[in-house]
Amino acid sequence: MKVKVNKDACIGCGACAQICDEVFELNDDGLSEVKVEEENKEKDEFVSVKEELQDEVRDAAESCPTGAIEIEEN
């Protein structure tokens, strides 16, 4: 599974970070983003999710009020 946050749709409510803080965080602009190593950070790219976190990521996506979290199943 891979995931990304659509920055144009995110309103910064923080629900995703509360549900799965291992994957999501709020950035300096107050919007959600997927946590990745800085050297691997590509703007608006899908990021791989560890298998043990996939259910939490799905829950976060379902809880997003604007549908900003996009999931790509492998």
Protein backbone atom coordinates (compact mmCIF):
# COMPACT_ATOMS: atom_id res chain seq x y z
CA MET A 1 0.00 0.00 0.00
CA LYS A 2 1.06 3.56 -0.70
CA VAL A 3 -0.46 6.80 0.60
CA LYS A 4 -0.28 10.53 0.03
CA VAL A 5 -2.12 13.63 1.19
CA ASN A 6 -3.74 15.91 -1.36
CA LYS A 7 -2.59 19.32 -0.07
CA ASP A 8 -5.34 21.12 -2.01
CA ALA A 9 -8.04 19.16 -0.16
CA CYS A 10 -6.49 19.08 3.33
CA ILE A 11 -7.99 21.49 5.88
CA GLY A 12 -5.54 20.61 8.67
CA CYS A 13 -8.06 19.10 11.08
CA GLY A 14 -5.42 16.65 12.33
CA ALA A 15 -7.71 13.60 12.49
CA CYS A 16 -5.25 11.49 10.49
CA ALA A 17 -2.33 12.35 12.80
CA GLN A 18 -4.46 11.48 15.84
CA ILE A 19 -5.39 8.12 14.35
CA CYS A 20 -1.98 7.19 12.90
CA ASP A 21 0.81 9.47 14.10
CA GLU A 22 3.38 6.96 12.87
CA VAL A 23 2.48 7.94 9.30
CA PHE A 24 0.86 11.40 9.39
CA GLU A 25 1.91 14.73 10.87
CA LEU A 26 0.94 18.38 10.55
CA ASN A 27 3.52 20.50 8.77
CA ASP A 28 4.53 24.11 9.44
CA ASP A 29 1.54 25.31 7.38
CA GLY A 30 -0.84 23.33 9.60
CA LEU A 31 -1.63 20.81 6.87
CA SER A 32 -1.21 17.07 7.03
CA GLU A 33 1.61 15.25 5.30
CA VAL A 34 3.02 11.75 5.24
CA LYS A 35 6.13 11.33 7.36
CA VAL A 36 9.15 10.38 5.24
CA GLU A 37 12.89 10.72 5.51
CA GLU A 38 13.89 14.18 4.29
CA GLU A 39 16.18 12.84 1.57
CA ASN A 40 13.29 10.74 0.20
CA LYS A 41 10.72 13.53 0.24
CA GLU A 42 9.18 14.11 -3.16
CA LYS A 43 6.33 16.59 -3.34
CA ASP A 44 2.93 14.96 -3.81
CA GLU A 45 4.35 11.47 -4.30
CA PHE A 46 2.86 8.29 -2.86
CA VAL A 47 4.81 6.84 0.08
CA SER A 48 4.96 3.14 1.00
CA VAL A 49 3.26 2.12 4.24
CA LYS A 50 4.49 -0.71 6.46
CA GLU A 51 2.09 -3.64 6.57
CA GLU A 52 1.47 -3.30 10.31
CA LEU A 53 0.24 0.31 9.84
CA GLN A 54 -2.03 -0.23 6.84
CA ASP A 55 -5.27 -0.69 8.81
CA GLU A 56 -4.62 2.54 10.74
CA VAL A 57 -3.90 4.39 7.48
CA ARG A 58 -7.20 3.14 6.04
CA ASP A 59 -8.99 4.31 9.21
CA ALA A 60 -7.34 7.72 8.89
CA ALA A 61 -8.39 7.99 5.25
CA GLU A 62 -11.97 7.08 6.09
CA SER A 63 -11.99 9.66 8.91
CA CYS A 64 -10.71 12.51 6.75
CA PRO A 65 -13.61 14.97 6.37
CA THR A 66 -12.41 16.17 2.96
CA GLY A 67 -11.11 12.90 1.51
CA ALA A 68 -7.60 14.35 1.24
CA ILE A 69 -5.84 11.05 1.97
CA GLU A 70 -5.29 9.01 -1.17
CA ILE A 71 -4.45 5.32 -0.96
CA GLU A 72 -2.94 3.21 -3.71
CA GLU A 73 -3.27 -0.51 -3.02
CA ASN A 74 -0.47 -2.74 -4.33
